[in-house]
Amino acid sequence: MKINLGYRLDLLVEDSVIVELKAVNQITPVHEAQLLSYLKLSGKRLGLLINFNVMLLKDGITRRID
């Protein structure tokens, strides 16, 4: 589905999980709001926000259920 509002999600896995990828010093509320917007616009319930700028990748994963 294409929505011409300037929103582009990074990955959609199995038509059910939205994955937003980042490489920032710290995840901010703006990043979480972006993921939440994608979830609401798409009607999906599960999203992952992954920050690759961390020592351990498990520390950079945020799970969001809407």
C-alpha atoms as a PDB file:
ATOM      1  CA  MET A   1       0.000   0.000   0.000  1.00  0.00           C
ATOM      2  CA  LYS A   2       1.419   3.386  -0.930  1.00  0.00           C
ATOM      3  CA  ILE A   3       0.475   6.493   1.035  1.00  0.00           C
ATOM      4  CA  ASN A   4       1.669   9.772  -0.486  1.00  0.00           C
ATOM      5  CA  LEU A   5       2.164  11.611   2.797  1.00  0.00           C
ATOM      6  CA  GLY A   6       5.947  11.420   2.983  1.00  0.00           C
ATOM      7  CA  TYR A   7       5.904   8.417   5.336  1.00  0.00           C
ATOM      8  CA  ARG A   8       8.042   5.415   4.458  1.00  0.00           C
ATOM      9  CA  LEU A   9       8.536   2.567   6.848  1.00  0.00           C
ATOM     10  CA  ASP A  10      11.840   0.760   6.689  1.00  0.00           C
ATOM     11  CA  LEU A  11      10.654  -2.852   6.835  1.00  0.00           C
ATOM     12  CA  LEU A  12       7.365  -4.713   6.995  1.00  0.00           C
ATOM     13  CA  VAL A  13       7.836  -8.331   8.063  1.00  0.00           C
ATOM     14  CA  GLU A  14       5.211 -10.934   7.148  1.00  0.00           C
ATOM     15  CA  ASP A  15       2.641  -8.145   6.680  1.00  0.00           C
ATOM     16  CA  SER A  16       2.394  -7.820  10.467  1.00  0.00           C
ATOM     17  CA  VAL A  17       5.526  -6.307  12.093  1.00  0.00           C
ATOM     18  CA  ILE A  18       6.818  -2.833  11.287  1.00  0.00           C
ATOM     19  CA  VAL A  19      10.560  -2.424  11.783  1.00  0.00           C
ATOM     20  CA  GLU A  20      12.038   1.062  11.989  1.00  0.00           C
ATOM     21  CA  LEU A  21      15.841   1.192  11.750  1.00  0.00           C
ATOM     22  CA  LYS A  22      18.001   3.903  13.309  1.00  0.00           C
ATOM     23  CA  ALA A  23      21.695   4.605  13.916  1.00  0.00           C
ATOM     24  CA  VAL A  24      21.551   7.383  16.507  1.00  0.00           C
ATOM     25  CA  ASN A  25      23.209   8.100  19.845  1.00  0.00           C
ATOM     26  CA  GLN A  26      19.932   7.738  21.705  1.00  0.00           C
ATOM     27  CA  ILE A  27      16.342   6.863  20.832  1.00  0.00           C
ATOM     28  CA  THR A  28      14.161   9.904  21.481  1.00  0.00           C
ATOM     29  CA  PRO A  29      10.403  10.315  21.842  1.00  0.00           C
ATOM     30  CA  VAL A  30      10.346  11.576  18.237  1.00  0.00           C
ATOM     31  CA  HIS A  31      11.582   8.183  17.017  1.00  0.00           C
ATOM     32  CA  GLU A  32       8.970   6.375  19.095  1.00  0.00           C
ATOM     33  CA  ALA A  33       6.256   8.727  17.807  1.00  0.00           C
ATOM     34  CA  GLN A  34       7.351   7.966  14.245  1.00  0.00           C
ATOM     35  CA  LEU A  35       6.913   4.232  14.835  1.00  0.00           C
ATOM     36  CA  LEU A  36       3.564   4.823  16.533  1.00  0.00           C
ATOM     37  CA  SER A  37       2.391   6.876  13.538  1.00  0.00           C
ATOM     38  CA  TYR A  38       3.348   4.054  11.181  1.00  0.00           C
ATOM     39  CA  LEU A  39       1.447   1.568  13.324  1.00  0.00           C
ATOM     40  CA  LYS A  40      -1.698   3.702  13.396  1.00  0.00           C
ATOM     41  CA  LEU A  41      -1.626   4.557   9.679  1.00  0.00           C
ATOM     42  CA  SER A  42      -1.098   0.945   8.641  1.00  0.00           C
ATOM     43  CA  GLY A  43      -3.437  -0.679  11.153  1.00  0.00           C
ATOM     44  CA  LYS A  44      -0.650  -2.962  12.376  1.00  0.00           C
ATOM     45  CA  ARG A  45      -0.225  -3.664  16.095  1.00  0.00           C
ATOM     46  CA  LEU A  46       3.431  -4.668  16.532  1.00  0.00           C
ATOM     47  CA  GLY A  47       6.503  -2.561  15.836  1.00  0.00           C
ATOM     48  CA  LEU A  48      10.216  -2.772  16.529  1.00  0.00           C
ATOM     49  CA  LEU A  49      12.500   0.227  16.788  1.00  0.00           C
ATOM     50  CA  ILE A  50      16.096  -0.917  16.296  1.00  0.00           C
ATOM     51  CA  ASN A  51      19.065   1.342  16.993  1.00  0.00           C
ATOM     52  CA  PHE A  52      22.333   0.038  15.531  1.00  0.00           C
ATOM     53  CA  ASN A  53      24.492   2.617  17.330  1.00  0.00           C
ATOM     54  CA  VAL A  54      24.877   0.542  20.532  1.00  0.00           C
ATOM     55  CA  MET A  55      27.542  -1.830  21.853  1.00  0.00           C
ATOM     56  CA  LEU A  56      25.094  -4.748  22.205  1.00  0.00           C
ATOM     57  CA  LEU A  57      22.287  -4.926  19.650  1.00  0.00           C
ATOM     58  CA  LYS A  58      19.862  -6.307  22.259  1.00  0.00           C
ATOM     59  CA  ASP A  59      20.187  -2.967  24.084  1.00  0.00           C
ATOM     60  CA  GLY A  60      19.068  -1.099  20.957  1.00  0.00           C
ATOM     61  CA  ILE A  61      15.766  -2.914  20.420  1.00  0.00           C
ATOM     62  CA  THR A  62      12.494  -1.364  21.543  1.00  0.00           C
ATOM     63  CA  ARG A  63       9.242  -3.289  21.102  1.00  0.00           C
ATOM     64  CA  ARG A  64       5.992  -1.390  20.714  1.00  0.00           C
ATOM     65  CA  ILE A  65       2.482  -2.845  20.769  1.00  0.00           C
ATOM     66  CA  ASP A  66      -0.389  -0.562  19.885  1.00  0.00           C
END
